[in-house]
Amino acid sequence: MALFIAGCFLNTANEVLRDTWKQQPEHKGQLYTGGFFKYSRHINYFGDLMCVTAYALITSNGYAVSIPLFLFCFFTFYNAPKLDEYLSSKYGAAFKHYAKITKMLIPYVY
């Protein structure tokens, strides 16, 4: 249950922090790298993975294990690269630097 709650927190809290930051006029057009986004470019996706992994563990259902595996592959090979491409075109050098020093999905790992 703790894994599920932590995943929900990572996803939701960081979206709220980013949205609050972006609403400030002085941040217009700037890349947000605060909160847990300093550890992962797609920390909200990592939160999603934590939630569905917790679900799979709680249910002890073999089929449920396929959900986090599918999402990991989807985020890693499709969604995150597409979003990175978009962010690179929108923020240019700022995003390229951010991508160079920040893990893509799993903080400190990948």
PDB file of N, CA and C in Angstrom:
ATOM      1  N   MET A   1       0.820  -1.188   0.000  1.00  0.00           N
ATOM      2  CA  MET A   1       0.000   0.000   0.000  1.00  0.00           C
ATOM      3  C   MET A   1       0.873   1.264   0.000  1.00  0.00           C
ATOM      4  N   ALA A   2       2.010   1.210   0.696  1.00  0.00           N
ATOM      5  CA  ALA A   2       2.907   2.370   0.749  1.00  0.00           C
ATOM      6  C   ALA A   2       3.437   2.718  -0.640  1.00  0.00           C
ATOM      7  N   LEU A   3       3.730   1.696  -1.439  1.00  0.00           N
ATOM      8  CA  LEU A   3       4.214   1.914  -2.805  1.00  0.00           C
ATOM      9  C   LEU A   3       3.155   2.629  -3.638  1.00  0.00           C
ATOM     10  N   PHE A   4       1.909   2.231  -3.482  1.00  0.00           N
ATOM     11  CA  PHE A   4       0.806   2.855  -4.214  1.00  0.00           C
ATOM     12  C   PHE A   4       0.661   4.327  -3.811  1.00  0.00           C
ATOM     13  N   ILE A   5       0.674   4.586  -2.523  1.00  0.00           N
ATOM     14  CA  ILE A   5       0.520   5.959  -2.025  1.00  0.00           C
ATOM     15  C   ILE A   5       1.694   6.830  -2.481  1.00  0.00           C
ATOM     16  N   ALA A   6       2.902   6.282  -2.398  1.00  0.00           N
ATOM     17  CA  ALA A   6       4.079   7.035  -2.849  1.00  0.00           C
ATOM     18  C   ALA A   6       3.987   7.350  -4.339  1.00  0.00           C
ATOM     19  N   GLY A   7       3.526   6.392  -5.129  1.00  0.00           N
ATOM     20  CA  GLY A   7       3.368   6.619  -6.565  1.00  0.00           C
ATOM     21  C   GLY A   7       2.346   7.693  -6.865  1.00  0.00           C
ATOM     22  N   CYS A   8       1.221   7.640  -6.177  1.00  0.00           N
ATOM     23  CA  CYS A   8       0.183   8.669  -6.356  1.00  0.00           C
ATOM     24  C   CYS A   8       0.717  10.038  -5.962  1.00  0.00           C
ATOM     25  N   PHE A   9       1.473  10.072  -4.867  1.00  0.00           N
ATOM     26  CA  PHE A   9       2.055  11.335  -4.413  1.00  0.00           C
ATOM     27  C   PHE A   9       3.022  11.892  -5.450  1.00  0.00           C
ATOM     28  N   LEU A  10       3.932  11.047  -5.942  1.00  0.00           N
ATOM     29  CA  LEU A  10       4.898  11.512  -6.937  1.00  0.00           C
ATOM     30  C   LEU A  10       4.202  12.084  -8.159  1.00  0.00           C
ATOM     31  N   ASN A  11       3.202  11.394  -8.625  1.00  0.00           N
ATOM     32  CA  ASN A  11       2.489  11.838  -9.815  1.00  0.00           C
ATOM     33  C   ASN A  11       1.750  13.141  -9.557  1.00  0.00           C
ATOM     34  N   THR A  12       0.892  13.143  -8.579  1.00  0.00           N
ATOM     35  CA  THR A  12      -0.005  14.279  -8.355  1.00  0.00           C
ATOM     36  C   THR A  12       0.708  15.498  -7.782  1.00  0.00           C
ATOM     37  N   ALA A  13       1.503  15.315  -6.757  1.00  0.00           N
ATOM     38  CA  ALA A  13       2.165  16.456  -6.111  1.00  0.00           C
ATOM     39  C   ALA A  13       3.074  17.194  -7.082  1.00  0.00           C
ATOM     40  N   ASN A  14       3.792  16.453  -7.902  1.00  0.00           N
ATOM     41  CA  ASN A  14       4.694  17.114  -8.836  1.00  0.00           C
ATOM     42  C   ASN A  14       3.958  17.824  -9.958  1.00  0.00           C
ATOM     43  N   GLU A  15       2.827  17.297 -10.367  1.00  0.00           N
ATOM     44  CA  GLU A  15       2.009  18.005 -11.361  1.00  0.00           C
ATOM     45  C   GLU A  15       1.468  19.306 -10.771  1.00  0.00           C
ATOM     46  N   VAL A  16       1.054  19.264  -9.510  1.00  0.00           N
ATOM     47  CA  VAL A  16       0.553  20.473  -8.842  1.00  0.00           C
ATOM     48  C   VAL A  16       1.677  21.502  -8.703  1.00  0.00           C
ATOM     49  N   LEU A  17       2.856  21.058  -8.264  1.00  0.00           N
ATOM     50  CA  LEU A  17       3.992  21.972  -8.125  1.00  0.00           C
ATOM     51  C   LEU A  17       4.354  22.611  -9.461  1.00  0.00           C
ATOM     52  N   ARG A  18       4.408  21.794 -10.505  1.00  0.00           N
ATOM     53  CA  ARG A  18       4.760  22.313 -11.830  1.00  0.00           C
ATOM     54  C   ARG A  18       3.699  23.301 -12.321  1.00  0.00           C
ATOM     55  N   ASP A  19       2.439  22.957 -12.159  1.00  0.00           N
ATOM     56  CA  ASP A  19       1.363  23.834 -12.611  1.00  0.00           C
ATOM     57  C   ASP A  19       1.390  25.167 -11.860  1.00  0.00           C
ATOM     58  N   THR A  20       1.602  25.109 -10.548  1.00  0.00           N
ATOM     59  CA  THR A  20       1.680  26.329  -9.737  1.00  0.00           C
ATOM     60  C   THR A  20       2.841  27.204 -10.201  1.00  0.00           C
ATOM     61  N   TRP A  21       3.983  26.586 -10.463  1.00  0.00           N
ATOM     62  CA  TRP A  21       5.170  27.309 -10.923  1.00  0.00           C
ATOM     63  C   TRP A  21       4.918  27.950 -12.285  1.00  0.00           C
ATOM     64  N   LYS A  22       4.324  27.192 -13.201  1.00  0.00           N
ATOM     65  CA  LYS A  22       4.091  27.689 -14.559  1.00  0.00           C
ATOM     66  C   LYS A  22       3.063  28.813 -14.612  1.00  0.00           C
ATOM     67  N   GLN A  23       2.199  28.897 -13.619  1.00  0.00           N
ATOM     68  CA  GLN A  23       1.175  29.944 -13.602  1.00  0.00           C
ATOM     69  C   GLN A  23       1.755  31.312 -13.243  1.00  0.00           C
ATOM     70  N   GLN A  24       2.952  31.337 -12.717  1.00  0.00           N
ATOM     71  CA  GLN A  24       3.583  32.605 -12.351  1.00  0.00           C
ATOM     72  C   GLN A  24       4.127  33.271 -13.619  1.00  0.00           C
ATOM     73  N   PRO A  25       3.741  34.514 -13.870  1.00  0.00           N
ATOM     74  CA  PRO A  25       4.120  35.192 -15.119  1.00  0.00           C
ATOM     75  C   PRO A  25       5.625  35.224 -15.391  1.00  0.00           C
ATOM     76  N   GLU A  26       6.428  35.337 -14.345  1.00  0.00           N
ATOM     77  CA  GLU A  26       7.879  35.407 -14.558  1.00  0.00           C
ATOM     78  C   GLU A  26       8.476  34.087 -15.057  1.00  0.00           C
ATOM     79  N   HIS A  27       7.709  33.008 -15.012  1.00  0.00           N
ATOM     80  CA  HIS A  27       8.196  31.710 -15.485  1.00  0.00           C
ATOM     81  C   HIS A  27       7.686  31.356 -16.882  1.00  0.00           C
ATOM     82  N   LYS A  28       6.955  32.265 -17.487  1.00  0.00           N
ATOM     83  CA  LYS A  28       6.376  32.003 -18.810  1.00  0.00           C
ATOM     84  C   LYS A  28       7.481  31.622 -19.805  1.00  0.00           C
ATOM     85  N   GLY A  29       7.280  30.500 -20.472  1.00  0.00           N
ATOM     86  CA  GLY A  29       8.221  30.041 -21.484  1.00  0.00           C
ATOM     87  C   GLY A  29       9.457  29.358 -20.942  1.00  0.00           C
ATOM     88  N   GLN A  30       9.506  29.123 -19.627  1.00  0.00           N
ATOM     89  CA  GLN A  30      10.673  28.480 -19.021  1.00  0.00           C
ATOM     90  C   GLN A  30      10.398  27.005 -18.737  1.00  0.00           C
ATOM     91  N   LEU A  31      11.455  26.238 -18.740  1.00  0.00           N
ATOM     92  CA  LEU A  31      11.386  24.809 -18.439  1.00  0.00           C
ATOM     93  C   LEU A  31      11.369  24.603 -16.926  1.00  0.00           C
ATOM     94  N   TYR A  32      10.427  23.806 -16.441  1.00  0.00           N
ATOM     95  CA  TYR A  32      10.349  23.502 -15.006  1.00  0.00           C
ATOM     96  C   TYR A  32      11.229  22.300 -14.692  1.00  0.00           C
ATOM     97  N   THR A  33      12.160  22.494 -13.771  1.00  0.00           N
ATOM     98  CA  THR A  33      13.058  21.409 -13.371  1.00  0.00           C
ATOM     99  C   THR A  33      13.095  21.262 -11.851  1.00  0.00           C
ATOM    100  N   GLY A  34      12.085  21.772 -11.184  1.00  0.00           N
ATOM    101  CA  GLY A  34      12.042  21.735  -9.727  1.00  0.00           C
ATOM    102  C   GLY A  34      11.358  20.495  -9.193  1.00  0.00           C
ATOM    103  N   GLY A  35      11.126  20.499  -7.885  1.00  0.00           N
ATOM    104  CA  GLY A  35      10.486  19.350  -7.247  1.00  0.00           C
ATOM    105  C   GLY A  35      11.263  18.073  -7.541  1.00  0.00           C
ATOM    106  N   PHE A  36      10.544  16.992  -7.709  1.00  0.00           N
ATOM    107  CA  PHE A  36      11.200  15.725  -8.022  1.00  0.00           C
ATOM    108  C   PHE A  36      11.595  15.631  -9.490  1.00  0.00           C
ATOM    109  N   PHE A  37      11.203  16.619 -10.295  1.00  0.00           N
ATOM    110  CA  PHE A  37      11.644  16.648 -11.693  1.00  0.00           C
ATOM    111  C   PHE A  37      13.150  16.878 -11.786  1.00  0.00           C
ATOM    112  N   LYS A  38      13.783  17.264 -10.699  1.00  0.00           N
ATOM    113  CA  LYS A  38      15.243  17.385 -10.730  1.00  0.00           C
ATOM    114  C   LYS A  38      15.913  16.010 -10.669  1.00  0.00           C
ATOM    115  N   TYR A  39      15.153  14.980 -10.327  1.00  0.00           N
ATOM    116  CA  TYR A  39      15.692  13.623 -10.268  1.00  0.00           C
ATOM    117  C   TYR A  39      15.297  12.771 -11.468  1.00  0.00           C
ATOM    118  N   SER A  40      14.230  13.153 -12.131  1.00  0.00           N
ATOM    119  CA  SER A  40      13.729  12.392 -13.280  1.00  0.00           C
ATOM    120  C   SER A  40      12.943  13.335 -14.184  1.00  0.00           C
ATOM    121  N   ARG A  41      13.224  13.272 -15.486  1.00  0.00           N
ATOM    122  CA  ARG A  41      12.508  14.136 -16.430  1.00  0.00           C
ATOM    123  C   ARG A  41      11.034  13.778 -16.512  1.00  0.00           C
ATOM    124  N   HIS A  42      10.704  12.543 -16.176  1.00  0.00           N
ATOM    125  CA  HIS A  42       9.319  12.075 -16.260  1.00  0.00           C
ATOM    126  C   HIS A  42       8.919  11.417 -14.940  1.00  0.00           C
ATOM    127  N   ILE A  43       9.071  12.168 -13.863  1.00  0.00           N
ATOM    128  CA  ILE A  43       8.799  11.631 -12.529  1.00  0.00           C
ATOM    129  C   ILE A  43       7.341  11.220 -12.378  1.00  0.00           C
ATOM    130  N   ASN A  44       6.447  11.888 -13.080  1.00  0.00           N
ATOM    131  CA  ASN A  44       5.033  11.514 -13.005  1.00  0.00           C
ATOM    132  C   ASN A  44       4.805  10.132 -13.613  1.00  0.00           C
ATOM    133  N   TYR A  45       5.535   9.792 -14.667  1.00  0.00           N
ATOM    134  CA  TYR A  45       5.430   8.444 -15.238  1.00  0.00           C
ATOM    135  C   TYR A  45       5.965   7.410 -14.245  1.00  0.00           C
ATOM    136  N   PHE A  46       7.049   7.761 -13.556  1.00  0.00           N
ATOM    137  CA  PHE A  46       7.592   6.861 -12.544  1.00  0.00           C
ATOM    138  C   PHE A  46       6.564   6.633 -11.440  1.00  0.00           C
ATOM    139  N   GLY A  47       5.851   7.681 -11.055  1.00  0.00           N
ATOM    140  CA  GLY A  47       4.772   7.541 -10.075  1.00  0.00           C
ATOM    141  C   GLY A  47       3.688   6.600 -10.569  1.00  0.00           C
ATOM    142  N   ASP A  48       3.329   6.722 -11.845  1.00  0.00           N
ATOM    143  CA  ASP A  48       2.345   5.801 -12.435  1.00  0.00           C
ATOM    144  C   ASP A  48       2.832   4.358 -12.350  1.00  0.00           C
ATOM    145  N   LEU A  49       4.109   4.156 -12.672  1.00  0.00           N
ATOM    146  CA  LEU A  49       4.671   2.797 -12.600  1.00  0.00           C
ATOM    147  C   LEU A  49       4.622   2.248 -11.179  1.00  0.00           C
ATOM    148  N   MET A  50       4.892   3.091 -10.215  1.00  0.00           N
ATOM    149  CA  MET A  50       4.821   2.653  -8.817  1.00  0.00           C
ATOM    150  C   MET A  50       3.398   2.231  -8.457  1.00  0.00           C
ATOM    151  N   CYS A  51       2.412   3.003  -8.899  1.00  0.00           N
ATOM    152  CA  CYS A  51       1.003   2.687  -8.605  1.00  0.00           C
ATOM    153  C   CYS A  51       0.594   1.344  -9.193  1.00  0.00           C
ATOM    154  N   VAL A  52       0.892   1.138 -10.471  1.00  0.00           N
ATOM    155  CA  VAL A  52       0.453  -0.108 -11.108  1.00  0.00           C
ATOM    156  C   VAL A  52       1.265  -1.301 -10.619  1.00  0.00           C
ATOM    157  N   THR A  53       2.511  -1.071 -10.229  1.00  0.00           N
ATOM    158  CA  THR A  53       3.305  -2.156  -9.641  1.00  0.00           C
ATOM    159  C   THR A  53       2.716  -2.547  -8.290  1.00  0.00           C
ATOM    160  N   ALA A  54       2.331  -1.563  -7.502  1.00  0.00           N
ATOM    161  CA  ALA A  54       1.685  -1.844  -6.215  1.00  0.00           C
ATOM    162  C   ALA A  54       0.396  -2.623  -6.425  1.00  0.00           C
ATOM    163  N   TYR A  55      -0.375  -2.232  -7.416  1.00  0.00           N
ATOM    164  CA  TYR A  55      -1.619  -2.943  -7.732  1.00  0.00           C
ATOM    165  C   TYR A  55      -1.325  -4.410  -8.061  1.00  0.00           C
ATOM    166  N   ALA A  56      -0.310  -4.636  -8.884  1.00  0.00           N
ATOM    167  CA  ALA A  56       0.050  -6.005  -9.256  1.00  0.00           C
ATOM    168  C   ALA A  56       0.472  -6.810  -8.029  1.00  0.00           C
ATOM    169  N   LEU A  57       1.236  -6.192  -7.145  1.00  0.00           N
ATOM    170  CA  LEU A  57       1.683  -6.889  -5.937  1.00  0.00           C
ATOM    171  C   LEU A  57       0.525  -7.166  -4.981  1.00  0.00           C
ATOM    172  N   ILE A  58      -0.364  -6.190  -4.830  1.00  0.00           N
ATOM    173  CA  ILE A  58      -1.501  -6.344  -3.915  1.00  0.00           C
ATOM    174  C   ILE A  58      -2.440  -7.443  -4.385  1.00  0.00           C
ATOM    175  N   THR A  59      -2.697  -7.492  -5.679  1.00  0.00           N
ATOM    176  CA  THR A  59      -3.645  -8.482  -6.206  1.00  0.00           C
ATOM    177  C   THR A  59      -3.035  -9.870  -6.332  1.00  0.00           C
ATOM    178  N   SER A  60      -1.714  -9.945  -6.372  1.00  0.00           N
ATOM    179  CA  SER A  60      -1.021 -11.228  -6.582  1.00  0.00           C
ATOM    180  C   SER A  60      -1.543 -11.950  -7.820  1.00  0.00           C
ATOM    181  N   ASN A  61      -1.905 -11.166  -8.808  1.00  0.00           N
ATOM    182  CA  ASN A  61      -2.436 -11.709 -10.051  1.00  0.00           C
ATOM    183  C   ASN A  61      -1.335 -11.681 -11.103  1.00  0.00           C
ATOM    184  N   GLY A  62      -1.042 -12.827 -11.674  1.00  0.00           N
ATOM    185  CA  GLY A  62      -0.005 -12.924 -12.692  1.00  0.00           C
ATOM    186  C   GLY A  62      -0.237 -12.005 -13.873  1.00  0.00           C
ATOM    187  N   TYR A  63      -1.488 -11.855 -14.256  1.00  0.00           N
ATOM    188  CA  TYR A  63      -1.804 -10.975 -15.382  1.00  0.00           C
ATOM    189  C   TYR A  63      -1.557  -9.508 -15.033  1.00  0.00           C
ATOM    190  N   ALA A  64      -1.749  -9.162 -13.788  1.00  0.00           N
ATOM    191  CA  ALA A  64      -1.559  -7.775 -13.359  1.00  0.00           C
ATOM    192  C   ALA A  64      -0.100  -7.341 -13.501  1.00  0.00           C
ATOM    193  N   VAL A  65       0.825  -8.297 -13.451  1.00  0.00           N
ATOM    194  CA  VAL A  65       2.244  -7.987 -13.618  1.00  0.00           C
ATOM    195  C   VAL A  65       2.518  -7.435 -15.012  1.00  0.00           C
ATOM    196  N   SER A  66       1.706  -7.834 -15.969  1.00  0.00           N
ATOM    197  CA  SER A  66       1.925  -7.359 -17.335  1.00  0.00           C
ATOM    198  C   SER A  66       1.659  -5.856 -17.465  1.00  0.00           C
ATOM    199  N   ILE A  67       0.838  -5.298 -16.600  1.00  0.00           N
ATOM    200  CA  ILE A  67       0.510  -3.871 -16.703  1.00  0.00           C
ATOM    201  C   ILE A  67       1.744  -2.994 -16.454  1.00  0.00           C
ATOM    202  N   PRO A  68       2.474  -3.171 -15.340  1.00  0.00           N
ATOM    203  CA  PRO A  68       3.667  -2.336 -15.167  1.00  0.00           C
ATOM    204  C   PRO A  68       4.729  -2.592 -16.240  1.00  0.00           C
ATOM    205  N   LEU A  69       4.841  -3.827 -16.693  1.00  0.00           N
ATOM    206  CA  LEU A  69       5.811  -4.119 -17.753  1.00  0.00           C
ATOM    207  C   LEU A  69       5.444  -3.406 -19.046  1.00  0.00           C
ATOM    208  N   PHE A  70       4.163  -3.445 -19.393  1.00  0.00           N
ATOM    209  CA  PHE A  70       3.697  -2.751 -20.591  1.00  0.00           C
ATOM    210  C   PHE A  70       3.919  -1.243 -20.456  1.00  0.00           C
ATOM    211  N   LEU A  71       3.524  -0.683 -19.311  1.00  0.00           N
ATOM    212  CA  LEU A  71       3.684   0.759 -19.113  1.00  0.00           C
ATOM    213  C   LEU A  71       5.149   1.177 -19.132  1.00  0.00           C
ATOM    214  N   PHE A  72       6.010   0.374 -18.520  1.00  0.00           N
ATOM    215  CA  PHE A  72       7.438   0.690 -18.542  1.00  0.00           C
ATOM    216  C   PHE A  72       7.934   0.765 -19.980  1.00  0.00           C
ATOM    217  N   CYS A  73       7.578  -0.227 -20.782  1.00  0.00           N
ATOM    218  CA  CYS A  73       7.993  -0.234 -22.192  1.00  0.00           C
ATOM    219  C   CYS A  73       7.383   0.942 -22.949  1.00  0.00           C
ATOM    220  N   PHE A  74       6.109   1.213 -22.706  1.00  0.00           N
ATOM    221  CA  PHE A  74       5.430   2.320 -23.378  1.00  0.00           C
ATOM    222  C   PHE A  74       6.087   3.654 -23.029  1.00  0.00           C
ATOM    223  N   PHE A  75       6.332   3.880 -21.743  1.00  0.00           N
ATOM    224  CA  PHE A  75       6.957   5.132 -21.322  1.00  0.00           C
ATOM    225  C   PHE A  75       8.393   5.239 -21.836  1.00  0.00           C
ATOM    226  N   THR A  76       9.150   4.142 -21.744  1.00  0.00           N
ATOM    227  CA  THR A  76      10.564   4.159 -22.091  1.00  0.00           C
ATOM    228  C   THR A  76      10.823   4.281 -23.588  1.00  0.00           C
ATOM    229  N   PHE A  77      10.051   3.552 -24.374  1.00  0.00           N
ATOM    230  CA  PHE A  77      10.352   3.483 -25.806  1.00  0.00           C
ATOM    231  C   PHE A  77       9.455   4.343 -26.687  1.00  0.00           C
ATOM    232  N   TYR A  78       8.362   4.859 -26.143  1.00  0.00           N
ATOM    233  CA  TYR A  78       7.475   5.660 -26.975  1.00  0.00           C
ATOM    234  C   TYR A  78       7.157   7.029 -26.357  1.00  0.00           C
ATOM    235  N   ASN A  79       6.459   7.026 -25.247  1.00  0.00           N
ATOM    236  CA  ASN A  79       5.930   8.274 -24.702  1.00  0.00           C
ATOM    237  C   ASN A  79       7.023   9.257 -24.255  1.00  0.00           C
ATOM    238  N   ALA A  80       7.953   8.797 -23.439  1.00  0.00           N
ATOM    239  CA  ALA A  80       9.004   9.694 -22.945  1.00  0.00           C
ATOM    240  C   ALA A  80       9.880  10.226 -24.082  1.00  0.00           C
ATOM    241  N   PRO A  81      10.320   9.386 -25.023  1.00  0.00           N
ATOM    242  CA  PRO A  81      11.106   9.942 -26.136  1.00  0.00           C
ATOM    243  C   PRO A  81      10.335  10.972 -26.966  1.00  0.00           C
ATOM    244  N   LYS A  82       9.045  10.721 -27.189  1.00  0.00           N
ATOM    245  CA  LYS A  82       8.226  11.693 -27.931  1.00  0.00           C
ATOM    246  C   LYS A  82       8.139  13.012 -27.167  1.00  0.00           C
ATOM    247  N   LEU A  83       7.906  12.923 -25.867  1.00  0.00           N
ATOM    248  CA  LEU A  83       7.817  14.129 -25.050  1.00  0.00           C
ATOM    249  C   LEU A  83       9.171  14.839 -24.989  1.00  0.00           C
ATOM    250  N   ASP A  84      10.248  14.077 -24.880  1.00  0.00           N
ATOM    251  CA  ASP A  84      11.587  14.679 -24.883  1.00  0.00           C
ATOM    252  C   ASP A  84      11.841  15.430 -26.189  1.00  0.00           C
ATOM    253  N   GLU A  85      11.420  14.848 -27.285  1.00  0.00           N
ATOM    254  CA  GLU A  85      11.579  15.491 -28.595  1.00  0.00           C
ATOM    255  C   GLU A  85      10.821  16.825 -28.626  1.00  0.00           C
ATOM    256  N   TYR A  86       9.592  16.802 -28.144  1.00  0.00           N
ATOM    257  CA  TYR A  86       8.781  18.022 -28.088  1.00  0.00           C
ATOM    258  C   TYR A  86       9.432  19.070 -27.180  1.00  0.00           C
ATOM    259  N   LEU A  87       9.847  18.644 -25.983  1.00  0.00           N
ATOM    260  CA  LEU A  87      10.448  19.578 -25.030  1.00  0.00           C
ATOM    261  C   LEU A  87      11.757  20.153 -25.564  1.00  0.00           C
ATOM    262  N   SER A  88      12.508  19.344 -26.287  1.00  0.00           N
ATOM    263  CA  SER A  88      13.747  19.813 -26.893  1.00  0.00           C
ATOM    264  C   SER A  88      13.470  20.894 -27.931  1.00  0.00           C
ATOM    265  N   SER A  89      12.429  20.688 -28.731  1.00  0.00           N
ATOM    266  CA  SER A  89      12.096  21.703 -29.738  1.00  0.00           C
ATOM    267  C   SER A  89      11.530  22.968 -29.084  1.00  0.00           C
ATOM    268  N   LYS A  90      10.847  22.824 -27.968  1.00  0.00           N
ATOM    269  CA  LYS A  90      10.242  23.978 -27.296  1.00  0.00           C
ATOM    270  C   LYS A  90      11.252  24.776 -26.474  1.00  0.00           C
ATOM    271  N   TYR A  91      12.134  24.068 -25.751  1.00  0.00           N
ATOM    272  CA  TYR A  91      13.035  24.742 -24.820  1.00  0.00           C
ATOM    273  C   TYR A  91      14.497  24.764 -25.263  1.00  0.00           C
ATOM    274  N   GLY A  92      14.821  24.088 -26.352  1.00  0.00           N
ATOM    275  CA  GLY A  92      16.165  24.139 -26.925  1.00  0.00           C
ATOM    276  C   GLY A  92      17.275  23.722 -25.983  1.00  0.00           C
ATOM    277  N   ALA A  93      18.284  24.603 -25.866  1.00  0.00           N
ATOM    278  CA  ALA A  93      19.480  24.299 -25.078  1.00  0.00           C
ATOM    279  C   ALA A  93      19.162  24.027 -23.612  1.00  0.00           C
ATOM    280  N   ALA A  94      18.155  24.699 -23.076  1.00  0.00           N
ATOM    281  CA  ALA A  94      17.794  24.480 -21.665  1.00  0.00           C
ATOM    282  C   ALA A  94      17.368  23.035 -21.444  1.00  0.00           C
ATOM    283  N   PHE A  95      16.570  22.495 -22.372  1.00  0.00           N
ATOM    284  CA  PHE A  95      16.146  21.105 -22.214  1.00  0.00           C
ATOM    285  C   PHE A  95      17.306  20.151 -22.471  1.00  0.00           C
ATOM    286  N   LYS A  96      18.118  20.445 -23.460  1.00  0.00           N
ATOM    287  CA  LYS A  96      19.254  19.559 -23.763  1.00  0.00           C
ATOM    288  C   LYS A  96      20.180  19.432 -22.551  1.00  0.00           C
ATOM    289  N   HIS A  97      20.423  20.546 -21.874  1.00  0.00           N
ATOM    290  CA  HIS A  97      21.247  20.508 -20.664  1.00  0.00           C
ATOM    291  C   HIS A  97      20.548  19.707 -19.567  1.00  0.00           C
ATOM    292  N   TYR A  98      19.275  19.971 -19.373  1.00  0.00           N
ATOM    293  CA  TYR A  98      18.475  19.252 -18.372  1.00  0.00           C
ATOM    294  C   TYR A  98      18.494  17.750 -18.646  1.00  0.00           C
ATOM    295  N   ALA A  99      18.311  17.360 -19.899  1.00  0.00           N
ATOM    296  CA  ALA A  99      18.301  15.942 -20.274  1.00  0.00           C
ATOM    297  C   ALA A  99      19.664  15.295 -20.039  1.00  0.00           C
ATOM    298  N   LYS A 100      20.711  16.073 -20.206  1.00  0.00           N
ATOM    299  CA  LYS A 100      22.062  15.544 -20.025  1.00  0.00           C
ATOM    300  C   LYS A 100      22.362  15.216 -18.561  1.00  0.00           C
ATOM    301  N   ILE A 101      21.780  15.991 -17.642  1.00  0.00           N
ATOM    302  CA  ILE A 101      22.113  15.813 -16.218  1.00  0.00           C
ATOM    303  C   ILE A 101      21.016  15.121 -15.408  1.00  0.00           C
ATOM    304  N   THR A 102      19.884  14.808 -16.047  1.00  0.00           N
ATOM    305  CA  THR A 102      18.741  14.243 -15.321  1.00  0.00           C
ATOM    306  C   THR A 102      18.323  12.914 -15.933  1.00  0.00           C
ATOM    307  N   LYS A 103      18.130  11.910 -15.102  1.00  0.00           N
ATOM    308  CA  LYS A 103      17.682  10.603 -15.585  1.00  0.00           C
ATOM    309  C   LYS A 103      16.316  10.728 -16.247  1.00  0.00           C
ATOM    310  N   MET A 104      16.027   9.836 -17.175  1.00  0.00           N
ATOM    311  CA  MET A 104      14.780   9.924 -17.918  1.00  0.00           C
ATOM    312  C   MET A 104      13.567   9.513 -17.089  1.00  0.00           C
ATOM    313  N   LEU A 105      13.632   8.367 -16.438  1.00  0.00           N
ATOM    314  CA  LEU A 105      12.432   7.817 -15.819  1.00  0.00           C
ATOM    315  C   LEU A 105      12.605   7.477 -14.343  1.00  0.00           C
ATOM    316  N   ILE A 106      13.607   6.692 -14.037  1.00  0.00           N
ATOM    317  CA  ILE A 106      13.802   6.211 -12.667  1.00  0.00           C
ATOM    318  C   ILE A 106      14.941   7.004 -12.021  1.00  0.00           C
ATOM    319  N   PRO A 107      14.659   7.773 -10.981  1.00  0.00           N
ATOM    320  CA  PRO A 107      15.697   8.594 -10.357  1.00  0.00           C
ATOM    321  C   PRO A 107      16.953   7.795 -10.009  1.00  0.00           C
ATOM    322  N   TYR A 108      18.105   8.360 -10.350  1.00  0.00           N
ATOM    323  CA  TYR A 108      19.432   7.798 -10.091  1.00  0.00           C
ATOM    324  C   TYR A 108      19.743   6.529 -10.884  1.00  0.00           C
ATOM    325  N   VAL A 109      18.792   5.998 -11.642  1.00  0.00           N
ATOM    326  CA  VAL A 109      19.002   4.723 -12.334  1.00  0.00           C
ATOM    327  C   VAL A 109      18.925   4.875 -13.847  1.00  0.00           C
ATOM    328  N   TYR A 110      17.777   5.318 -14.345  1.00  0.00           N
ATOM    329  CA  TYR A 110      17.556   5.350 -15.796  1.00  0.00           C
ATOM    330  C   TYR A 110      16.702   6.538 -16.178  1.00  0.00           C
TER     331      TYR A 110
END
